[in-house]
N, C-alpha and C. Protein backbone atom coordinates (compact mmCIF):
# COMPACT_ATOMS: atom_id res chain seq x y z
N MET A 1 -59.83 -72.78 -2.58
CA MET A 1 -60.35 -71.71 -1.59
C MET A 1 -59.78 -70.80 -2.27
N ASN A 2 -60.37 -69.66 -2.58
CA ASN A 2 -59.65 -68.50 -2.80
C ASN A 2 -58.11 -67.65 -1.69
N ALA A 3 -57.48 -67.29 -2.19
CA ALA A 3 -56.86 -66.50 -1.23
C ALA A 3 -57.69 -64.94 -0.04
N PRO A 4 -57.40 -64.70 0.31
CA PRO A 4 -58.24 -62.65 0.09
C PRO A 4 -57.01 -61.80 -0.33
N LYS A 5 -57.68 -61.32 -1.19
CA LYS A 5 -56.56 -60.29 -1.47
C LYS A 5 -55.64 -59.52 -0.66
N ARG A 6 -54.36 -59.82 -0.62
CA ARG A 6 -53.53 -58.21 0.44
C ARG A 6 -53.59 -57.00 0.40
N PRO A 7 -54.07 -56.58 0.55
CA PRO A 7 -54.22 -54.85 0.48
C PRO A 7 -52.61 -53.94 0.58
N LEU A 8 -52.91 -52.88 -0.72
CA LEU A 8 -50.87 -52.29 -0.79
C LEU A 8 -50.56 -51.78 0.06
N LEU A 9 -50.99 -51.78 0.74
CA LEU A 9 -50.56 -51.33 2.69
C LEU A 9 -49.66 -52.29 3.19
N ILE A 10 -50.61 -53.71 3.69
CA ILE A 10 -50.24 -54.06 3.87
C ILE A 10 -49.19 -54.71 3.10
N SER A 11 -48.46 -55.08 1.95
CA SER A 11 -47.75 -55.04 1.08
C SER A 11 -46.73 -54.26 1.29
N ILE A 12 -46.86 -53.53 1.14
CA ILE A 12 -45.48 -52.52 1.68
C ILE A 12 -45.47 -51.69 3.40
N LEU A 13 -45.89 -52.40 4.29
CA LEU A 13 -45.36 -52.25 5.40
C LEU A 13 -44.71 -53.37 5.66
N SER A 14 -44.88 -54.58 5.10
CA SER A 14 -44.23 -56.02 5.05
C SER A 14 -43.09 -55.81 4.63
N VAL A 15 -43.20 -55.66 3.77
CA VAL A 15 -41.55 -54.98 2.75
C VAL A 15 -41.13 -54.45 3.35
N VAL A 16 -41.56 -53.75 3.98
CA VAL A 16 -40.39 -52.45 4.88
C VAL A 16 -39.49 -53.00 5.48
N ALA A 17 -41.09 -53.34 6.91
CA ALA A 17 -40.08 -54.95 8.00
C ALA A 17 -39.33 -55.70 8.15
N ILE A 18 -39.44 -55.84 6.39
CA ILE A 18 -38.33 -56.93 6.88
C ILE A 18 -37.03 -55.96 6.13
N LEU A 19 -37.08 -54.97 4.48
CA LEU A 19 -35.77 -54.09 4.22
C LEU A 19 -35.19 -53.49 5.95
N PHE A 20 -36.04 -53.40 6.47
CA PHE A 20 -35.38 -52.84 8.43
C PHE A 20 -35.11 -54.09 8.88
N GLY A 21 -35.65 -54.36 9.03
CA GLY A 21 -35.11 -55.93 10.37
C GLY A 21 -33.57 -56.07 9.33
N ILE A 22 -33.37 -56.28 7.70
CA ILE A 22 -31.77 -56.61 7.18
C ILE A 22 -31.18 -55.95 7.48
N ALA A 23 -31.44 -54.28 7.06
CA ALA A 23 -30.00 -53.36 7.59
C ALA A 23 -29.64 -53.40 8.89
N THR A 24 -31.67 -53.45 10.21
CA THR A 24 -30.49 -53.82 11.24
C THR A 24 -29.79 -54.73 11.90
N ILE A 25 -29.89 -55.78 11.44
CA ILE A 25 -28.78 -56.51 11.83
C ILE A 25 -27.59 -56.15 11.09
N LYS A 26 -28.29 -56.23 9.98
CA LYS A 26 -26.74 -56.01 9.05
C LYS A 26 -25.91 -54.66 10.06
N GLU A 27 -26.33 -53.49 9.91
CA GLU A 27 -25.63 -52.28 10.78
C GLU A 27 -25.90 -53.14 11.97
N GLY A 28 -26.30 -53.81 13.07
CA GLY A 28 -25.93 -53.89 14.45
C GLY A 28 -24.80 -54.52 13.80
N GLY A 29 -25.02 -56.09 13.49
CA GLY A 29 -23.70 -57.06 13.35
C GLY A 29 -22.59 -56.40 13.38
N THR A 30 -22.25 -55.56 12.25
CA THR A 30 -21.20 -54.46 12.04
C THR A 30 -20.93 -53.86 13.12
N VAL A 31 -21.12 -53.52 13.97
CA VAL A 31 -20.96 -53.02 14.94
C VAL A 31 -20.10 -53.51 16.03
N LEU A 32 -20.98 -54.37 16.52
CA LEU A 32 -20.82 -55.76 17.41
C LEU A 32 -19.72 -56.86 17.21
N PHE A 33 -19.78 -56.89 15.57
CA PHE A 33 -18.52 -57.75 14.89
C PHE A 33 -17.66 -57.83 15.15
N THR A 34 -17.27 -56.93 14.32
CA THR A 34 -16.34 -55.99 13.39
C THR A 34 -15.92 -54.74 14.55
N GLU A 35 -14.53 -55.07 14.12
CA GLU A 35 -13.67 -53.59 15.04
C GLU A 35 -14.08 -52.45 14.30
N ALA A 36 -13.29 -51.82 12.56
CA ALA A 36 -14.00 -51.10 12.42
C ALA A 36 -15.30 -50.63 12.78
N GLY A 37 -16.79 -51.13 12.76
CA GLY A 37 -18.37 -50.83 12.95
C GLY A 37 -17.69 -50.69 14.26
N HIS A 38 -17.50 -51.08 15.27
CA HIS A 38 -17.03 -51.09 16.83
C HIS A 38 -16.46 -48.80 16.76
N LYS A 39 -15.24 -49.59 16.64
CA LYS A 39 -14.69 -47.64 16.99
C LYS A 39 -15.45 -47.20 15.74
N SER A 40 -16.77 -47.34 14.26
CA SER A 40 -16.77 -46.00 14.09
C SER A 40 -17.98 -45.77 15.00
N ALA A 41 -18.40 -46.15 15.63
CA ALA A 41 -20.37 -45.85 16.99
C ALA A 41 -20.15 -45.15 17.10
N GLY A 42 -19.19 -44.93 17.90
CA GLY A 42 -18.58 -43.86 18.96
C GLY A 42 -19.20 -44.04 20.18
N ASN A 43 -19.70 -43.42 20.62
CA ASN A 43 -20.69 -43.95 22.40
C ASN A 43 -22.15 -44.54 21.99
N TYR A 44 -21.70 -45.56 21.91
CA TYR A 44 -22.87 -46.64 21.56
C TYR A 44 -23.60 -46.88 22.71
N VAL A 45 -24.45 -46.84 23.25
CA VAL A 45 -25.29 -47.92 24.29
C VAL A 45 -25.03 -48.99 24.47
N PRO A 46 -24.70 -50.11 24.65
CA PRO A 46 -24.80 -51.94 24.24
C PRO A 46 -25.79 -52.75 24.19
N PHE A 47 -26.78 -52.13 25.70
CA PHE A 47 -28.25 -52.70 25.49
C PHE A 47 -28.98 -52.51 24.41
N VAL A 48 -28.68 -50.82 24.29
CA VAL A 48 -29.58 -50.37 23.23
C VAL A 48 -29.37 -51.11 21.86
N LEU A 49 -28.06 -51.06 21.59
CA LEU A 49 -27.68 -51.87 20.46
C LEU A 49 -27.99 -53.70 20.31
N TRP A 50 -27.78 -54.30 21.31
CA TRP A 50 -27.98 -55.53 21.12
C TRP A 50 -29.30 -56.14 20.89
N PHE A 51 -29.68 -55.51 21.80
CA PHE A 51 -31.99 -55.14 21.86
C PHE A 51 -32.06 -54.91 19.98
N ASN A 52 -31.58 -53.83 19.29
CA ASN A 52 -32.18 -53.63 17.98
C ASN A 52 -31.32 -54.85 17.23
N PHE A 53 -29.85 -55.29 17.69
CA PHE A 53 -29.47 -56.07 16.61
C PHE A 53 -30.50 -57.83 16.78
N VAL A 54 -31.46 -58.43 18.03
CA VAL A 54 -31.48 -59.05 18.27
C VAL A 54 -33.58 -59.02 16.88
N ALA A 55 -34.11 -57.28 18.22
CA ALA A 55 -34.74 -56.70 17.27
C ALA A 55 -35.24 -56.93 15.97
N GLY A 56 -34.07 -56.82 15.18
CA GLY A 56 -34.10 -57.51 13.45
C GLY A 56 -34.45 -58.56 12.95
N PHE A 57 -33.87 -59.50 13.68
CA PHE A 57 -35.33 -60.94 13.28
C PHE A 57 -36.73 -60.23 13.42
N ALA A 58 -36.75 -60.32 14.99
CA ALA A 58 -38.29 -60.21 14.91
C ALA A 58 -38.87 -59.36 13.92
N TYR A 59 -38.05 -58.20 13.18
CA TYR A 59 -38.56 -57.70 12.23
C TYR A 59 -39.40 -58.56 11.26
N ILE A 60 -37.54 -59.00 10.47
CA ILE A 60 -38.15 -59.88 9.35
C ILE A 60 -38.86 -61.03 9.85
N VAL A 61 -39.00 -61.93 10.67
CA VAL A 61 -40.58 -62.65 11.09
C VAL A 61 -41.94 -62.33 10.84
N SER A 62 -41.78 -60.48 11.80
CA SER A 62 -42.57 -59.61 11.43
C SER A 62 -43.25 -59.19 10.47
N GLY A 63 -43.11 -59.27 9.59
CA GLY A 63 -42.93 -58.85 7.83
C GLY A 63 -43.21 -60.07 6.60
N VAL A 64 -42.46 -60.61 7.89
CA VAL A 64 -43.04 -61.95 6.51
C VAL A 64 -44.50 -62.54 7.36
N ALA A 65 -44.58 -62.02 8.20
CA ALA A 65 -45.99 -63.17 8.53
C ALA A 65 -47.05 -61.92 8.14
N LEU A 66 -46.66 -60.75 8.24
CA LEU A 66 -47.53 -59.53 7.64
C LEU A 66 -48.30 -60.32 6.29
N TYR A 67 -46.43 -60.74 5.58
CA TYR A 67 -47.06 -60.82 4.08
C TYR A 67 -48.00 -62.17 3.85
N LYS A 68 -48.04 -62.81 4.26
CA LYS A 68 -48.28 -64.07 4.16
C LYS A 68 -50.29 -63.89 5.46
N LEU A 69 -50.27 -62.65 5.31
CA LEU A 69 -51.36 -62.56 6.18
C LEU A 69 -51.41 -63.44 7.63
N LYS A 70 -50.66 -63.38 7.98
CA LYS A 70 -50.99 -64.34 9.32
C LYS A 70 -51.33 -63.33 10.73
N SER A 71 -52.09 -64.07 11.39
CA SER A 71 -53.18 -62.69 12.27
C SER A 71 -51.85 -63.17 13.79
N CYS A 72 -51.03 -63.88 13.69
CA CYS A 72 -49.84 -64.25 14.44
C CYS A 72 -49.32 -62.19 14.31
N SER A 73 -48.74 -61.78 12.90
CA SER A 73 -48.46 -60.77 13.42
C SER A 73 -49.02 -59.47 13.93
N ARG A 74 -49.89 -59.67 14.29
CA ARG A 74 -50.98 -58.33 15.25
C ARG A 74 -49.84 -58.48 16.61
N ARG A 75 -49.59 -59.62 16.86
CA ARG A 75 -48.47 -59.74 18.58
C ARG A 75 -47.44 -59.46 17.82
N LEU A 76 -46.57 -60.12 17.16
CA LEU A 76 -46.10 -59.48 16.53
C LEU A 76 -45.51 -57.56 16.71
N ALA A 77 -46.26 -57.72 16.13
CA ALA A 77 -45.93 -56.00 15.56
C ALA A 77 -45.85 -55.07 16.78
N VAL A 78 -46.68 -56.01 18.11
CA VAL A 78 -47.22 -54.16 19.17
C VAL A 78 -46.28 -55.23 20.06
N VAL A 79 -45.96 -56.37 20.20
CA VAL A 79 -44.54 -56.95 21.05
C VAL A 79 -43.88 -56.00 20.41
N ILE A 80 -43.48 -55.97 19.48
CA ILE A 80 -41.74 -55.38 18.98
C ILE A 80 -42.17 -53.80 19.22
N ALA A 81 -43.24 -52.94 18.64
CA ALA A 81 -43.64 -51.96 19.47
C ALA A 81 -43.84 -51.20 21.06
N VAL A 82 -44.19 -52.26 21.41
CA VAL A 82 -43.45 -52.17 23.08
C VAL A 82 -42.86 -52.33 23.17
N SER A 83 -41.94 -53.14 23.29
CA SER A 83 -41.08 -53.38 23.63
C SER A 83 -39.72 -52.49 23.13
N THR A 84 -39.81 -51.99 21.86
CA THR A 84 -38.64 -50.21 21.43
C THR A 84 -39.06 -49.56 22.12
N SER A 85 -40.47 -48.99 22.48
CA SER A 85 -40.68 -48.06 23.52
C SER A 85 -40.11 -47.97 24.40
N ILE A 86 -39.91 -49.25 25.03
CA ILE A 86 -39.20 -49.89 26.19
C ILE A 86 -38.12 -49.61 26.82
N VAL A 87 -37.47 -50.34 25.62
CA VAL A 87 -36.35 -49.85 25.63
C VAL A 87 -35.52 -48.41 25.35
N PHE A 88 -35.81 -48.17 24.65
CA PHE A 88 -36.44 -46.31 24.19
C PHE A 88 -36.39 -45.55 25.85
N MET A 89 -37.39 -45.94 26.05
CA MET A 89 -37.44 -45.32 27.43
C MET A 89 -36.13 -45.17 28.10
N LEU A 90 -35.83 -46.30 28.15
CA LEU A 90 -34.70 -46.92 29.85
C LEU A 90 -33.10 -46.02 28.70
N PHE A 91 -33.04 -45.80 27.33
CA PHE A 91 -31.61 -45.34 26.61
C PHE A 91 -32.07 -44.15 27.09
N GLY A 92 -33.69 -43.25 27.71
CA GLY A 92 -33.63 -42.03 27.68
C GLY A 92 -33.12 -41.82 29.44
N LEU A 93 -33.77 -42.72 29.55
CA LEU A 93 -33.44 -42.61 31.61
C LEU A 93 -30.97 -42.69 31.52
N HIS A 94 -31.47 -43.43 30.87
CA HIS A 94 -29.79 -43.75 30.38
C HIS A 94 -29.16 -42.59 30.01
N ILE A 95 -29.71 -41.58 28.82
CA ILE A 95 -28.89 -40.12 28.95
C ILE A 95 -29.48 -39.25 30.01
N LEU A 96 -30.56 -39.09 31.22
CA LEU A 96 -30.59 -38.79 32.19
C LEU A 96 -29.64 -38.58 33.40
N ASN A 97 -28.84 -39.65 33.40
CA ASN A 97 -28.40 -39.70 34.31
C ASN A 97 -26.71 -39.65 34.73
N GLY A 98 -26.42 -39.11 32.90
CA GLY A 98 -25.06 -38.76 32.04
C GLY A 98 -24.60 -39.52 31.31
N GLY A 99 -25.05 -40.95 31.15
CA GLY A 99 -24.72 -41.53 30.64
C GLY A 99 -24.04 -41.32 29.10
N ALA A 100 -23.36 -41.98 27.77
CA ALA A 100 -22.53 -41.52 26.91
C ALA A 100 -23.44 -41.91 26.45
N TYR A 101 -24.35 -41.14 24.94
CA TYR A 101 -24.85 -41.85 24.16
C TYR A 101 -24.11 -40.61 22.40
N GLU A 102 -24.84 -41.32 21.08
CA GLU A 102 -24.82 -40.65 20.42
C GLU A 102 -26.01 -39.93 20.17
N VAL A 103 -25.77 -39.19 19.54
CA VAL A 103 -27.43 -38.32 19.09
C VAL A 103 -27.94 -38.84 17.83
N ARG A 104 -27.01 -39.57 16.88
CA ARG A 104 -27.58 -40.46 16.09
C ARG A 104 -28.55 -41.45 16.28
N THR A 105 -28.63 -42.37 17.99
CA THR A 105 -29.57 -43.25 17.99
C THR A 105 -30.53 -42.54 18.85
N ILE A 106 -30.78 -41.36 18.98
CA ILE A 106 -31.99 -40.72 19.59
C ILE A 106 -33.09 -40.50 18.33
N ALA A 107 -32.29 -40.71 17.19
CA ALA A 107 -32.98 -40.23 16.14
C ALA A 107 -33.43 -41.29 15.33
N ALA A 108 -32.48 -42.43 15.83
CA ALA A 108 -32.76 -43.85 15.70
C ALA A 108 -33.83 -44.28 16.02
N MET A 109 -33.54 -44.52 17.01
CA MET A 109 -34.72 -45.31 18.33
C MET A 109 -36.34 -44.08 18.28
N THR A 110 -36.54 -42.76 17.28
CA THR A 110 -37.45 -42.32 17.86
C THR A 110 -38.06 -43.11 15.80
N ILE A 111 -37.21 -43.23 14.84
CA ILE A 111 -37.86 -44.06 13.50
C ILE A 111 -37.74 -45.09 14.43
N ARG A 112 -37.64 -45.73 14.66
CA ARG A 112 -37.99 -47.31 14.97
C ARG A 112 -39.07 -47.82 15.76
N SER A 113 -39.37 -46.59 17.06
CA SER A 113 -40.10 -46.80 17.49
C SER A 113 -41.76 -46.09 16.87
N SER A 114 -41.75 -44.92 15.57
CA SER A 114 -42.63 -44.76 15.39
C SER A 114 -42.79 -45.60 14.17
N LEU A 115 -41.88 -46.50 13.31
CA LEU A 115 -42.06 -46.91 12.69
C LEU A 115 -43.03 -48.86 12.89
N TRP A 116 -42.78 -48.69 13.91
CA TRP A 116 -43.15 -50.11 14.72
C TRP A 116 -45.03 -49.77 15.72
N ILE A 117 -45.10 -48.14 15.64
CA ILE A 117 -45.95 -48.46 16.08
C ILE A 117 -46.92 -48.13 15.05
N LEU A 118 -46.44 -47.37 14.25
CA LEU A 118 -47.00 -47.05 13.24
C LEU A 118 -48.09 -48.23 12.71
N ILE A 119 -46.95 -49.44 12.56
CA ILE A 119 -47.31 -51.09 11.86
C ILE A 119 -47.90 -51.68 13.33
N ALA A 120 -48.02 -51.25 14.41
CA ALA A 120 -48.78 -52.21 14.84
C ALA A 120 -50.15 -51.58 15.06
N ALA A 121 -50.92 -50.76 15.20
CA ALA A 121 -51.72 -49.72 15.18
C ALA A 121 -52.66 -50.17 13.99
N THR A 122 -51.41 -50.29 12.33
CA THR A 122 -52.70 -50.34 11.11
C THR A 122 -52.61 -51.76 11.84
N VAL A 123 -52.02 -53.02 11.46
CA VAL A 123 -52.32 -54.32 11.31
C VAL A 123 -52.94 -55.26 12.43
N LEU A 124 -53.59 -54.13 13.43
CA LEU A 124 -54.54 -53.86 14.68
C LEU A 124 -56.02 -53.56 13.81
N ARG A 125 -55.97 -52.73 13.19
CA ARG A 125 -57.11 -52.42 12.69
C ARG A 125 -57.28 -53.24 11.02
N ILE A 126 -56.17 -54.18 11.16
CA ILE A 126 -56.23 -54.94 9.23
C ILE A 126 -57.59 -56.09 9.86
N LYS A 127 -58.40 -56.76 9.69
CA LYS A 127 -59.79 -57.34 9.17
C LYS A 127 -58.85 -58.28 8.76
N ILE A 128 -58.34 -58.73 7.29
CA ILE A 128 -57.95 -59.61 6.63
C ILE A 128 -57.23 -60.49 6.49
N LEU A 129 -56.37 -59.90 7.85
CA LEU A 129 -55.71 -60.78 8.89
C LEU A 129 -56.65 -62.73 9.24
N LYS A 130 -56.08 -64.05 8.67
CA LYS A 130 -56.60 -65.16 8.96
C LYS A 130 -56.09 -65.35 10.53
N PRO A 131 -57.06 -66.06 10.91
CA PRO A 131 -56.41 -66.67 12.49
C PRO A 131 -56.91 -68.31 12.12
N ILE A 132 -55.15 -67.96 11.51
CA ILE A 132 -54.38 -69.62 11.09
C ILE A 132 -53.81 -70.03 12.32
N ASN A 133 -52.97 -71.30 12.54
CA ASN A 133 -52.23 -71.23 13.72
C ASN A 133 -50.83 -71.11 13.29
N CYS A 134 -50.91 -69.45 13.36
CA CYS A 134 -49.73 -69.27 12.94
C CYS A 134 -47.85 -69.81 13.69
N GLN A 135 -47.28 -70.07 13.01
CA GLN A 135 -45.69 -70.67 13.88
C GLN A 135 -44.61 -70.18 13.26
N CYS A 136 -44.89 -68.57 13.84
CA CYS A 136 -44.52 -67.33 12.58
C CYS A 136 -42.96 -67.72 13.02
């Protein structure tokens, strides 16, 4: 049985998702688990930081599933896009209620949300993904 040819865009998006996940875990872990990282983070918002740290693992799983052309990559990408957008909105409410924050968190959440909305929209349009019993 011939394996379907992986489109270049899917290869790129899967590698981006995996690398983004690794970077997210590294940066989030540094802030969460080291004193130096904690001090350098400034006015970070704990629920945003914890969400992003945990989501980093989902980014990697989603990227691997996408690279393997597994159909569950659709659901994973959509769940990541939606949950990231919800956390971003909750972060916005935190700011509107006078909570302390770092401007760089706004930029980071904009990038995260945009990236995962793009990945989810792309993956939903790809017909090549195989409906395998995906155990991501």
